[in-house]
C-alpha atoms as a PDB file:
ATOM      1  CA  MET A   1     119.353  88.367 119.663  1.00  0.00           C
ATOM      2  CA  PRO A   2     118.145  89.572 116.223  1.00  0.00           C
ATOM      3  CA  VAL A   3     115.201  88.202 114.270  1.00  0.00           C
ATOM      4  CA  THR A   4     116.072  86.686 110.900  1.00  0.00           C
ATOM      5  CA  GLY A   5     114.816  89.003 108.162  1.00  0.00           C
ATOM      6  CA  GLY A   6     112.350  91.821 108.388  1.00  0.00           C
ATOM      7  CA  GLY A   7     114.890  94.635 108.434  1.00  0.00           C
ATOM      8  CA  ASP A   8     114.263  95.941 104.933  1.00  0.00           C
ATOM      9  CA  THR A   9     111.035  97.389 103.592  1.00  0.00           C
ATOM     10  CA  PRO A  10     109.298  94.777 101.419  1.00  0.00           C
ATOM     11  CA  LYS A  11     108.954  95.776  97.774  1.00  0.00           C
ATOM     12  CA  SER A  12     105.171  95.283  97.653  1.00  0.00           C
ATOM     13  CA  PRO A  13     102.189  94.676  99.937  1.00  0.00           C
ATOM     14  CA  GLU A  14     102.110  91.060  98.753  1.00  0.00           C
ATOM     15  CA  GLU A  15     105.695  90.514  99.927  1.00  0.00           C
ATOM     16  CA  VAL A  16     105.008  91.466 103.566  1.00  0.00           C
ATOM     17  CA  ALA A  17     103.504  88.116 104.570  1.00  0.00           C
ATOM     18  CA  SER A  18     106.444  86.303 102.940  1.00  0.00           C
ATOM     19  CA  VAL A  19     108.867  88.407 104.976  1.00  0.00           C
ATOM     20  CA  TYR A  20     106.924  87.584 108.138  1.00  0.00           C
ATOM     21  CA  LEU A  21     106.897  83.873 107.331  1.00  0.00           C
ATOM     22  CA  GLY A  22     110.641  84.037 106.665  1.00  0.00           C
ATOM     23  CA  MET A  23     111.111  85.047 110.300  1.00  0.00           C
ATOM     24  CA  LEU A  24     109.733  81.712 111.506  1.00  0.00           C
ATOM     25  CA  ASP A  25     112.942  79.763 111.927  1.00  0.00           C
ATOM     26  CA  LYS A  26     115.232  78.335 114.614  1.00  0.00           C
ATOM     27  CA  GLN A  27     116.387  81.836 115.518  1.00  0.00           C
ATOM     28  CA  MET A  28     112.783  82.834 116.211  1.00  0.00           C
ATOM     29  CA  ASP A  29     112.353  79.685 118.312  1.00  0.00           C
ATOM     30  CA  LYS A  30     115.360  80.773 120.426  1.00  0.00           C
ATOM     31  CA  ILE A  31     114.011  84.303 120.798  1.00  0.00           C
ATOM     32  CA  ILE A  32     110.579  83.122 121.889  1.00  0.00           C
ATOM     33  CA  GLN A  33     111.980  80.573 124.315  1.00  0.00           C
ATOM     34  CA  THR A  34     114.349  83.162 125.812  1.00  0.00           C
ATOM     35  CA  ILE A  35     111.451  85.540 126.392  1.00  0.00           C
ATOM     36  CA  LEU A  36     109.174  82.865 127.828  1.00  0.00           C
ATOM     37  CA  ASP A  37     111.948  81.580 130.132  1.00  0.00           C
ATOM     38  CA  ALA A  38     112.941  85.038 131.390  1.00  0.00           C
ATOM     39  CA  LYS A  39     112.880  85.400 135.163  1.00  0.00           C
ATOM     40  CA  SER A  40     112.180  89.139 134.952  1.00  0.00           C
ATOM     41  CA  ASN A  41     110.905  91.736 132.504  1.00  0.00           C
ATOM     42  CA  VAL A  42     111.903  91.618 128.848  1.00  0.00           C
ATOM     43  CA  LEU A  43     112.145  94.457 126.353  1.00  0.00           C
ATOM     44  CA  TYR A  44     112.023  93.664 122.651  1.00  0.00           C
ATOM     45  CA  PHE A  45     111.627  96.046 119.739  1.00  0.00           C
ATOM     46  CA  CYS A  46     112.398  96.776 116.105  1.00  0.00           C
ATOM     47  CA  GLY A  47     112.781  99.921 114.003  1.00  0.00           C
ATOM     48  CA  ALA A  48     109.102 100.706 113.503  1.00  0.00           C
ATOM     49  CA  GLY A  49     107.686  98.371 116.118  1.00  0.00           C
ATOM     50  CA  LYS A  50     105.282  96.528 113.839  1.00  0.00           C
ATOM     51  CA  ASP A  51     106.973  93.823 111.767  1.00  0.00           C
ATOM     52  CA  ARG A  52     109.566  91.917 113.787  1.00  0.00           C
ATOM     53  CA  THR A  53     107.984  93.076 117.031  1.00  0.00           C
ATOM     54  CA  GLY A  54     104.535  92.203 115.700  1.00  0.00           C
ATOM     55  CA  VAL A  55     105.544  88.681 114.715  1.00  0.00           C
ATOM     56  CA  VAL A  56     107.307  88.049 118.036  1.00  0.00           C
ATOM     57  CA  SER A  57     104.293  89.386 119.940  1.00  0.00           C
ATOM     58  CA  ALA A  58     101.869  87.275 117.911  1.00  0.00           C
ATOM     59  CA  ILE A  59     103.853  84.107 118.591  1.00  0.00           C
ATOM     60  CA  ILE A  60     104.125  84.834 122.310  1.00  0.00           C
ATOM     61  CA  LEU A  61     100.411  85.571 122.584  1.00  0.00           C
ATOM     62  CA  LYS A  62      99.596  82.379 120.672  1.00  0.00           C
ATOM     63  CA  LYS A  63     101.840  80.306 122.964  1.00  0.00           C
ATOM     64  CA  LEU A  64     100.133  81.891 125.962  1.00  0.00           C
ATOM     65  CA  GLY A  65      96.766  80.680 124.666  1.00  0.00           C
ATOM     66  CA  PHE A  66      95.234  83.825 123.203  1.00  0.00           C
ATOM     67  CA  ASP A  67      92.804  83.312 120.318  1.00  0.00           C
ATOM     68  CA  ASP A  68      93.700  84.487 116.819  1.00  0.00           C
ATOM     69  CA  GLN A  69      91.241  87.383 116.760  1.00  0.00           C
ATOM     70  CA  THR A  70      92.655  88.838 119.977  1.00  0.00           C
ATOM     71  CA  ILE A  71      96.164  88.596 118.508  1.00  0.00           C
ATOM     72  CA  ILE A  72      95.055  90.210 115.244  1.00  0.00           C
ATOM     73  CA  ASP A  73      93.310  93.014 117.144  1.00  0.00           C
ATOM     74  CA  ASP A  74      96.497  93.605 119.148  1.00  0.00           C
ATOM     75  CA  TYR A  75      98.595  93.705 115.968  1.00  0.00           C
ATOM     76  CA  MET A  76      96.168  96.123 114.307  1.00  0.00           C
ATOM     77  CA  LYS A  77      96.529  98.605 117.195  1.00  0.00           C
ATOM     78  CA  THR A  78      99.940  99.231 115.653  1.00  0.00           C
ATOM     79  CA  LYS A  79      98.195 100.729 112.629  1.00  0.00           C
ATOM     80  CA  GLU A  80      96.468 103.286 114.831  1.00  0.00           C
ATOM     81  CA  ASN A  81      99.612 103.992 116.838  1.00  0.00           C
ATOM     82  CA  LEU A  82     102.020 104.326 113.901  1.00  0.00           C
ATOM     83  CA  LEU A  83      99.881 105.746 111.097  1.00  0.00           C
ATOM     84  CA  ASP A  84     101.365 109.249 111.318  1.00  0.00           C
ATOM     85  CA  PHE A  85     104.915 107.877 111.476  1.00  0.00           C
ATOM     86  CA  LEU A  86     104.323 105.538 108.526  1.00  0.00           C
ATOM     87  CA  THR A  87     102.659 108.272 106.476  1.00  0.00           C
ATOM     88  CA  ASP A  88     105.688 110.499 107.057  1.00  0.00           C
ATOM     89  CA  TYR A  89     107.995 107.614 106.129  1.00  0.00           C
ATOM     90  CA  VAL A  90     106.224 107.197 102.782  1.00  0.00           C
ATOM     91  CA  LYS A  91     106.442 110.940 102.135  1.00  0.00           C
ATOM     92  CA  GLU A  92     110.213 110.714 102.640  1.00  0.00           C
ATOM     93  CA  HIS A  93     110.425 107.511 100.554  1.00  0.00           C
ATOM     94  CA  PRO A  94     108.000 108.045  97.644  1.00  0.00           C
ATOM     95  CA  GLN A  95     109.004 104.722  96.066  1.00  0.00           C
ATOM     96  CA  VAL A  96     107.319 102.914  99.000  1.00  0.00           C
ATOM     97  CA  ASP A  97     103.631 102.030  98.702  1.00  0.00           C
ATOM     98  CA  ILE A  98     101.776 103.003 101.898  1.00  0.00           C
ATOM     99  CA  ASN A  99      99.975  99.628 101.737  1.00  0.00           C
ATOM    100  CA  THR A 100     103.327  97.903 102.139  1.00  0.00           C
ATOM    101  CA  VAL A 101     104.170  99.563 105.442  1.00  0.00           C
ATOM    102  CA  VAL A 102     100.744  99.945 107.075  1.00  0.00           C
ATOM    103  CA  PRO A 103      99.767  96.878 109.140  1.00  0.00           C
ATOM    104  CA  ASN A 104      97.297  94.591 107.405  1.00  0.00           C
ATOM    105  CA  GLU A 105      95.558  91.851 109.341  1.00  0.00           C
ATOM    106  CA  ASN A 106      95.983  89.355 106.489  1.00  0.00           C
ATOM    107  CA  ASN A 107      99.754  89.418 107.021  1.00  0.00           C
ATOM    108  CA  ILE A 108      99.642  88.448 110.682  1.00  0.00           C
ATOM    109  CA  ARG A 109      96.814  85.994 109.981  1.00  0.00           C
ATOM    110  CA  LYS A 110      99.142  84.100 107.613  1.00  0.00           C
ATOM    111  CA  VAL A 111     101.679  83.833 110.419  1.00  0.00           C
ATOM    112  CA  LEU A 112      99.025  82.560 112.825  1.00  0.00           C
ATOM    113  CA  ASP A 113      97.842  80.008 110.272  1.00  0.00           C
ATOM    114  CA  THR A 114     101.330  78.460 110.253  1.00  0.00           C
ATOM    115  CA  LEU A 115     101.678  78.182 114.041  1.00  0.00           C
END
């Protein structure tokens, strides 16, 4: 079950939060409910593991009662885990600003503020 949006690299760092907010729709509601209702383990992922996966994870953690700072800290671990991969991606795609693809806590905070 795919997330709406989030598959293309945003054109600027400012566009990232808008892409994340665009994922918050009925499709996302179905995804979250499917995961929460699962009777066994669930695997979910996206290409880099930070945008669509990050938004889904943030929503699940929020619904499970975690505070915003814990969710933000979890999201920001992605920066540590993917920094080499993202740096290489930017080297291969020089038109992409590193600040667009590296996780920024303000982006996930905007998602949390809407939940």
